[in-house]
PDB file of N, CA and C in Angstrom:
ATOM      1  N   MET A   1     235.632 196.454 257.113  1.00  0.00           N
ATOM      2  CA  MET A   1     235.089 196.601 255.774  1.00  0.00           C
ATOM      3  C   MET A   1     235.872 195.757 254.765  1.00  0.00           C
ATOM      4  N   ASP A   2     237.186 195.685 254.944  1.00  0.00           N
ATOM      5  CA  ASP A   2     238.008 194.896 254.029  1.00  0.00           C
ATOM      6  C   ASP A   2     237.643 193.423 254.081  1.00  0.00           C
ATOM      7  N   TYR A   3     237.297 192.956 255.283  1.00  0.00           N
ATOM      8  CA  TYR A   3     236.901 191.551 255.427  1.00  0.00           C
ATOM      9  C   TYR A   3     235.684 191.260 254.565  1.00  0.00           C
ATOM     10  N   PHE A   4     234.681 192.121 254.643  1.00  0.00           N
ATOM     11  CA  PHE A   4     233.460 191.930 253.858  1.00  0.00           C
ATOM     12  C   PHE A   4     233.760 192.005 252.364  1.00  0.00           C
ATOM     13  N   LYS A   5     234.572 192.965 251.983  1.00  0.00           N
ATOM     14  CA  LYS A   5     234.930 193.148 250.573  1.00  0.00           C
ATOM     15  C   LYS A   5     235.670 191.926 250.035  1.00  0.00           C
ATOM     16  N   ASN A   6     236.616 191.413 250.801  1.00  0.00           N
ATOM     17  CA  ASN A   6     237.367 190.224 250.381  1.00  0.00           C
ATOM     18  C   ASN A   6     236.477 188.997 250.317  1.00  0.00           C
ATOM     19  N   ARG A   7     235.565 188.894 251.261  1.00  0.00           N
ATOM     20  CA  ARG A   7     234.647 187.753 251.278  1.00  0.00           C
ATOM     21  C   ARG A   7     233.760 187.753 250.034  1.00  0.00           C
ATOM     22  N   VAL A   8     233.249 188.917 249.673  1.00  0.00           N
ATOM     23  CA  VAL A   8     232.412 189.040 248.473  1.00  0.00           C
ATOM     24  C   VAL A   8     233.235 188.726 247.229  1.00  0.00           C
ATOM     25  N   LYS A   9     234.456 189.243 247.164  1.00  0.00           N
ATOM     26  CA  LYS A   9     235.336 188.962 246.022  1.00  0.00           C
ATOM     27  C   LYS A   9     235.598 187.468 245.883  1.00  0.00           C
ATOM     28  N   ASN A  10     235.838 186.804 247.004  1.00  0.00           N
ATOM     29  CA  ASN A  10     236.100 185.367 246.972  1.00  0.00           C
ATOM     30  C   ASN A  10     234.878 184.586 246.510  1.00  0.00           C
ATOM     31  N   LYS A  11     233.694 185.006 246.950  1.00  0.00           N
ATOM     32  CA  LYS A  11     232.464 184.330 246.518  1.00  0.00           C
ATOM     33  C   LYS A  11     232.245 184.523 245.023  1.00  0.00           C
ATOM     34  N   ILE A  12     232.495 185.732 244.545  1.00  0.00           N
ATOM     35  CA  ILE A  12     232.346 186.017 243.114  1.00  0.00           C
ATOM     36  C   ILE A  12     233.340 185.179 242.315  1.00  0.00           C
ATOM     37  N   LYS A  13     234.578 185.115 242.785  1.00  0.00           N
ATOM     38  CA  LYS A  13     235.614 184.340 242.092  1.00  0.00           C
ATOM     39  C   LYS A  13     235.240 182.860 242.042  1.00  0.00           C
ATOM     40  N   LYS A  14     234.762 182.333 243.149  1.00  0.00           N
ATOM     41  CA  LYS A  14     234.363 180.928 243.206  1.00  0.00           C
ATOM     42  C   LYS A  14     233.200 180.658 242.249  1.00  0.00           C
ATOM     43  N   TYR A  15     232.229 181.571 242.218  1.00  0.00           N
ATOM     44  CA  TYR A  15     231.082 181.434 241.317  1.00  0.00           C
ATOM     45  C   TYR A  15     231.546 181.464 239.860  1.00  0.00           C
ATOM     46  N   GLN A  16     232.434 182.395 239.536  1.00  0.00           N
ATOM     47  CA  GLN A  16     232.929 182.508 238.168  1.00  0.00           C
ATOM     48  C   GLN A  16     233.714 181.265 237.758  1.00  0.00           C
ATOM     49  N   GLU A  17     234.486 180.707 238.662  1.00  0.00           N
ATOM     50  CA  GLU A  17     235.231 179.479 238.357  1.00  0.00           C
ATOM     51  C   GLU A  17     234.281 178.313 238.112  1.00  0.00           C
ATOM     52  N   GLN A  18     233.207 178.259 238.891  1.00  0.00           N
ATOM     53  CA  GLN A  18     232.199 177.215 238.700  1.00  0.00           C
ATOM     54  C   GLN A  18     231.535 177.370 237.333  1.00  0.00           C
ATOM     55  N   LYS A  19     231.179 178.593 236.973  1.00  0.00           N
ATOM     56  CA  LYS A  19     230.557 178.845 235.673  1.00  0.00           C
ATOM     57  C   LYS A  19     231.521 178.523 234.537  1.00  0.00           C
ATOM     58  N   LEU A  20     232.795 178.825 234.716  1.00  0.00           N
ATOM     59  CA  LEU A  20     233.792 178.517 233.694  1.00  0.00           C
ATOM     60  C   LEU A  20     233.888 177.010 233.480  1.00  0.00           C
ATOM     61  N   ASP A  21     233.861 176.247 234.564  1.00  0.00           N
ATOM     62  CA  ASP A  21     233.876 174.784 234.443  1.00  0.00           C
ATOM     63  C   ASP A  21     232.665 174.287 233.662  1.00  0.00           C
ATOM     64  N   GLU A  22     231.489 174.855 233.945  1.00  0.00           N
ATOM     65  CA  GLU A  22     230.271 174.465 233.231  1.00  0.00           C
ATOM     66  C   GLU A  22     230.381 174.799 231.746  1.00  0.00           C
ATOM     67  N   ILE A  23     230.900 175.972 231.446  1.00  0.00           N
ATOM     68  CA  ILE A  23     231.051 176.400 230.055  1.00  0.00           C
ATOM     69  C   ILE A  23     232.018 175.480 229.314  1.00  0.00           C
ATOM     70  N   LEU A  24     233.148 175.172 229.936  1.00  0.00           N
ATOM     71  CA  LEU A  24     234.131 174.297 229.294  1.00  0.00           C
ATOM     72  C   LEU A  24     233.557 172.904 229.057  1.00  0.00           C
ATOM     73  N   PHE A  25     232.747 172.422 229.993  1.00  0.00           N
ATOM     74  CA  PHE A  25     232.094 171.125 229.811  1.00  0.00           C
ATOM     75  C   PHE A  25     231.145 171.173 228.615  1.00  0.00           C
ATOM     76  N   LYS A  26     230.377 172.257 228.494  1.00  0.00           N
ATOM     77  CA  LYS A  26     229.425 172.371 227.386  1.00  0.00           C
ATOM     78  C   LYS A  26     230.141 172.478 226.045  1.00  0.00           C
ATOM     79  N   ILE A  27     231.260 173.189 226.006  1.00  0.00           N
ATOM     80  CA  ILE A  27     232.046 173.277 224.771  1.00  0.00           C
ATOM     81  C   ILE A  27     232.539 171.887 224.383  1.00  0.00           C
ATOM     82  N   GLN A  28     233.052 171.158 225.360  1.00  0.00           N
ATOM     83  CA  GLN A  28     233.559 169.811 225.102  1.00  0.00           C
ATOM     84  C   GLN A  28     232.429 168.888 224.651  1.00  0.00           C
ATOM     85  N   PHE A  29     231.281 168.963 225.315  1.00  0.00           N
ATOM     86  CA  PHE A  29     230.144 168.108 224.976  1.00  0.00           C
ATOM     87  C   PHE A  29     229.666 168.356 223.549  1.00  0.00           C
ATOM     88  N   HIS A  30     229.424 169.621 223.213  1.00  0.00           N
ATOM     89  CA  HIS A  30     228.914 169.934 221.880  1.00  0.00           C
ATOM     90  C   HIS A  30     229.964 169.652 220.804  1.00  0.00           C
ATOM     91  N   GLY A  31     231.230 169.885 221.119  1.00  0.00           N
ATOM     92  CA  GLY A  31     232.296 169.587 220.166  1.00  0.00           C
ATOM     93  C   GLY A  31     232.402 168.102 219.877  1.00  0.00           C
ATOM     94  N   SER A  32     232.338 167.289 220.918  1.00  0.00           N
ATOM     95  CA  SER A  32     232.432 165.840 220.703  1.00  0.00           C
ATOM     96  C   SER A  32     231.174 165.293 220.037  1.00  0.00           C
ATOM     97  N   SER A  33     230.013 165.872 220.361  1.00  0.00           N
ATOM     98  CA  SER A  33     228.768 165.448 219.700  1.00  0.00           C
ATOM     99  C   SER A  33     228.824 165.758 218.210  1.00  0.00           C
ATOM    100  N   LYS A  34     229.338 166.938 217.877  1.00  0.00           N
ATOM    101  CA  LYS A  34     229.472 167.339 216.475  1.00  0.00           C
ATOM    102  C   LYS A  34     230.414 166.391 215.740  1.00  0.00           C
ATOM    103  N   THR A  35     231.559 166.089 216.337  1.00  0.00           N
ATOM    104  CA  THR A  35     232.540 165.185 215.726  1.00  0.00           C
ATOM    105  C   THR A  35     231.946 163.801 215.509  1.00  0.00           C
ATOM    106  N   GLU A  36     231.232 163.316 216.511  1.00  0.00           N
ATOM    107  CA  GLU A  36     230.602 161.994 216.416  1.00  0.00           C
ATOM    108  C   GLU A  36     229.578 161.955 215.280  1.00  0.00           C
ATOM    109  N   LEU A  37     228.774 163.008 215.167  1.00  0.00           N
ATOM    110  CA  LEU A  37     227.771 163.058 214.101  1.00  0.00           C
ATOM    111  C   LEU A  37     228.422 163.179 212.725  1.00  0.00           C
ATOM    112  N   GLU A  38     229.521 163.927 212.643  1.00  0.00           N
ATOM    113  CA  GLU A  38     230.231 164.054 211.365  1.00  0.00           C
ATOM    114  C   GLU A  38     230.783 162.701 210.923  1.00  0.00           C
ATOM    115  N   GLN A  39     231.299 161.930 211.853  1.00  0.00           N
ATOM    116  CA  GLN A  39     231.798 160.596 211.518  1.00  0.00           C
ATOM    117  C   GLN A  39     230.656 159.686 211.087  1.00  0.00           C
ATOM    118  N   LYS A  40     229.532 159.806 211.759  1.00  0.00           N
ATOM    119  CA  LYS A  40     228.357 159.006 211.407  1.00  0.00           C
ATOM    120  C   LYS A  40     227.879 159.369 210.000  1.00  0.00           C
ATOM    121  N   MET A  41     227.920 160.669 209.681  1.00  0.00           N
ATOM    122  CA  MET A  41     227.482 161.146 208.369  1.00  0.00           C
ATOM    123  C   MET A  41     228.390 160.589 207.267  1.00  0.00           C
ATOM    124  N   LYS A  42     229.693 160.493 207.528  1.00  0.00           N
ATOM    125  CA  LYS A  42     230.635 159.960 206.539  1.00  0.00           C
ATOM    126  C   LYS A  42     230.370 158.488 206.246  1.00  0.00           C
ATOM    127  N   GLN A  43     229.880 157.771 207.235  1.00  0.00           N
ATOM    128  CA  GLN A  43     229.629 156.340 207.072  1.00  0.00           C
ATOM    129  C   GLN A  43     228.361 156.062 206.269  1.00  0.00           C
ATOM    130  N   LEU A  44     227.455 157.034 206.222  1.00  0.00           N
ATOM    131  CA  LEU A  44     226.202 156.836 205.490  1.00  0.00           C
ATOM    132  C   LEU A  44     226.425 156.987 203.990  1.00  0.00           C
ATOM    133  N   ASP A  45     225.641 156.250 203.220  1.00  0.00           N
ATOM    134  CA  ASP A  45     225.721 156.343 201.759  1.00  0.00           C
ATOM    135  C   ASP A  45     225.018 157.592 201.235  1.00  0.00           C
ATOM    136  N   HIS A  46     224.050 158.082 201.969  1.00  0.00           N
ATOM    137  CA  HIS A  46     223.260 159.235 201.532  1.00  0.00           C
ATOM    138  C   HIS A  46     223.315 160.334 202.600  1.00  0.00           C
ATOM    139  N   ASP A  47     222.906 161.536 202.209  1.00  0.00           N
ATOM    140  CA  ASP A  47     222.873 162.645 203.162  1.00  0.00           C
ATOM    141  C   ASP A  47     221.627 162.537 204.029  1.00  0.00           C
ATOM    142  N   ASP A  48     221.805 162.684 205.301  1.00  0.00           N
ATOM    143  CA  ASP A  48     220.706 162.648 206.257  1.00  0.00           C
ATOM    144  C   ASP A  48     220.492 164.076 206.763  1.00  0.00           C
ATOM    145  N   THR A  49     219.334 164.651 206.454  1.00  0.00           N
ATOM    146  CA  THR A  49     219.093 166.048 206.817  1.00  0.00           C
ATOM    147  C   THR A  49     219.018 166.241 208.328  1.00  0.00           C
ATOM    148  N   LYS A  50     218.509 165.251 209.053  1.00  0.00           N
ATOM    149  CA  LYS A  50     218.428 165.378 210.513  1.00  0.00           C
ATOM    150  C   LYS A  50     219.829 165.437 211.117  1.00  0.00           C
ATOM    151  N   ILE A  51     220.707 164.581 210.649  1.00  0.00           N
ATOM    152  CA  ILE A  51     222.083 164.590 211.162  1.00  0.00           C
ATOM    153  C   ILE A  51     222.767 165.901 210.785  1.00  0.00           C
ATOM    154  N   ALA A  52     222.529 166.379 209.571  1.00  0.00           N
ATOM    155  CA  ALA A  52     223.121 167.648 209.135  1.00  0.00           C
ATOM    156  C   ALA A  52     222.635 168.802 210.021  1.00  0.00           C
ATOM    157  N   LYS A  53     221.345 168.799 210.363  1.00  0.00           N
ATOM    158  CA  LYS A  53     220.802 169.839 211.246  1.00  0.00           C
ATOM    159  C   LYS A  53     221.410 169.737 212.640  1.00  0.00           C
ATOM    160  N   ASP A  54     221.581 168.511 213.122  1.00  0.00           N
ATOM    161  CA  ASP A  54     222.180 168.314 214.444  1.00  0.00           C
ATOM    162  C   ASP A  54     223.634 168.783 214.463  1.00  0.00           C
ATOM    163  N   ILE A  55     224.364 168.518 213.375  1.00  0.00           N
ATOM    164  CA  ILE A  55     225.755 168.981 213.273  1.00  0.00           C
ATOM    165  C   ILE A  55     225.794 170.505 213.317  1.00  0.00           C
ATOM    166  N   LEU A  56     224.904 171.137 212.564  1.00  0.00           N
ATOM    167  CA  LEU A  56     224.832 172.596 212.547  1.00  0.00           C
ATOM    168  C   LEU A  56     224.503 173.136 213.940  1.00  0.00           C
ATOM    169  N   TYR A  57     223.544 172.501 214.615  1.00  0.00           N
ATOM    170  CA  TYR A  57     223.156 172.913 215.964  1.00  0.00           C
ATOM    171  C   TYR A  57     224.356 172.854 216.915  1.00  0.00           C
ATOM    172  N   HIS A  58     225.060 171.730 216.922  1.00  0.00           N
ATOM    173  CA  HIS A  58     226.193 171.583 217.835  1.00  0.00           C
ATOM    174  C   HIS A  58     227.314 172.559 217.486  1.00  0.00           C
ATOM    175  N   SER A  59     227.495 172.832 216.203  1.00  0.00           N
ATOM    176  CA  SER A  59     228.494 173.807 215.780  1.00  0.00           C
ATOM    177  C   SER A  59     228.142 175.203 216.302  1.00  0.00           C
ATOM    178  N   GLN A  60     226.867 175.565 216.180  1.00  0.00           N
ATOM    179  CA  GLN A  60     226.413 176.864 216.688  1.00  0.00           C
ATOM    180  C   GLN A  60     226.570 176.951 218.204  1.00  0.00           C
ATOM    181  N   MET A  61     226.262 175.870 218.888  1.00  0.00           N
ATOM    182  CA  MET A  61     226.379 175.863 220.346  1.00  0.00           C
ATOM    183  C   MET A  61     227.840 176.005 220.779  1.00  0.00           C
ATOM    184  N   VAL A  62     228.750 175.369 220.063  1.00  0.00           N
ATOM    185  CA  VAL A  62     230.178 175.518 220.376  1.00  0.00           C
ATOM    186  C   VAL A  62     230.577 176.983 220.234  1.00  0.00           C
ATOM    187  N   ASP A  63     230.145 177.623 219.143  1.00  0.00           N
ATOM    188  CA  ASP A  63     230.473 179.035 218.923  1.00  0.00           C
ATOM    189  C   ASP A  63     229.908 179.920 220.036  1.00  0.00           C
ATOM    190  N   ILE A  64     228.669 179.658 220.429  1.00  0.00           N
ATOM    191  CA  ILE A  64     228.024 180.443 221.489  1.00  0.00           C
ATOM    192  C   ILE A  64     228.775 180.280 222.809  1.00  0.00           C
ATOM    193  N   TRP A  65     229.096 179.040 223.164  1.00  0.00           N
ATOM    194  CA  TRP A  65     229.759 178.796 224.443  1.00  0.00           C
ATOM    195  C   TRP A  65     231.195 179.311 224.441  1.00  0.00           C
ATOM    196  N   ILE A  66     231.856 179.305 223.287  1.00  0.00           N
ATOM    197  CA  ILE A  66     233.199 179.899 223.215  1.00  0.00           C
ATOM    198  C   ILE A  66     233.106 181.406 223.456  1.00  0.00           C
ATOM    199  N   GLY A  67     232.079 182.035 222.888  1.00  0.00           N
ATOM    200  CA  GLY A  67     231.849 183.459 223.143  1.00  0.00           C
ATOM    201  C   GLY A  67     231.593 183.731 224.617  1.00  0.00           C
ATOM    202  N   ASN A  68     230.785 182.877 225.241  1.00  0.00           N
ATOM    203  CA  ASN A  68     230.509 183.023 226.673  1.00  0.00           C
ATOM    204  C   ASN A  68     231.777 182.839 227.508  1.00  0.00           C
ATOM    205  N   GLU A  69     232.623 181.906 227.087  1.00  0.00           N
ATOM    206  CA  GLU A  69     233.886 181.681 227.799  1.00  0.00           C
ATOM    207  C   GLU A  69     234.767 182.930 227.725  1.00  0.00           C
ATOM    208  N   LYS A  70     234.859 183.530 226.545  1.00  0.00           N
ATOM    209  CA  LYS A  70     235.675 184.739 226.386  1.00  0.00           C
ATOM    210  C   LYS A  70     235.162 185.869 227.273  1.00  0.00           C
ATOM    211  N   LYS A  71     233.826 186.044 227.302  1.00  0.00           N
ATOM    212  CA  LYS A  71     233.236 187.094 228.138  1.00  0.00           C
ATOM    213  C   LYS A  71     233.533 186.856 229.612  1.00  0.00           C
ATOM    214  N   LEU A  72     233.373 185.618 230.052  1.00  0.00           N
ATOM    215  CA  LEU A  72     233.605 185.305 231.460  1.00  0.00           C
ATOM    216  C   LEU A  72     235.073 185.477 231.827  1.00  0.00           C
ATOM    217  N   ARG A  73     235.966 185.030 230.957  1.00  0.00           N
ATOM    218  CA  ARG A  73     237.402 185.195 231.244  1.00  0.00           C
ATOM    219  C   ARG A  73     237.768 186.678 231.325  1.00  0.00           C
ATOM    220  N   LYS A  74     237.148 187.495 230.476  1.00  0.00           N
ATOM    221  CA  LYS A  74     237.395 188.938 230.516  1.00  0.00           C
ATOM    222  C   LYS A  74     236.918 189.512 231.850  1.00  0.00           C
ATOM    223  N   GLN A  75     235.722 189.087 232.294  1.00  0.00           N
ATOM    224  CA  GLN A  75     235.204 189.541 233.589  1.00  0.00           C
ATOM    225  C   GLN A  75     236.126 189.108 234.726  1.00  0.00           C
ATOM    226  N   MET A  76     236.616 187.874 234.633  1.00  0.00           N
ATOM    227  CA  MET A  76     237.502 187.365 235.681  1.00  0.00           C
ATOM    228  C   MET A  76     238.807 188.164 235.726  1.00  0.00           C
ATOM    229  N   ASP A  77     239.326 188.537 234.564  1.00  0.00           N
ATOM    230  CA  ASP A  77     240.549 189.344 234.514  1.00  0.00           C
ATOM    231  C   ASP A  77     240.315 190.734 235.098  1.00  0.00           C
ATOM    232  N   GLU A  78     239.134 191.301 234.820  1.00  0.00           N
ATOM    233  CA  GLU A  78     238.816 192.635 235.326  1.00  0.00           C
ATOM    234  C   GLU A  78     238.657 192.636 236.844  1.00  0.00           C
ATOM    235  N   ASN A  79     238.181 191.537 237.400  1.00  0.00           N
ATOM    236  CA  ASN A  79     237.965 191.461 238.844  1.00  0.00           C
ATOM    237  C   ASN A  79     239.249 191.213 239.624  1.00  0.00           C
ATOM    238  N   ASN A  80     240.295 190.790 238.949  1.00  0.00           N
ATOM    239  CA  ASN A  80     241.561 190.523 239.654  1.00  0.00           C
ATOM    240  C   ASN A  80     242.423 191.734 239.729  1.00  0.00           C
TER     241      ASN A  80
END
């Protein structure tokens, strides 16, 4: 029984690590996209509403994925 239990735990741990990598990639992607758009906005003479909306979107996505990262890390701590 312990073999089965350990095998399931290892599969869960591997899955959670994979999901954590995906989450960290998404945080990095949205963060860098936001930074790039902010720099582009500074270079423009006028305000561009589309760029402003995109900046807001990427900012919201960073917040969402950071929340997801915290939840997953908490689950990972509970499983150990």
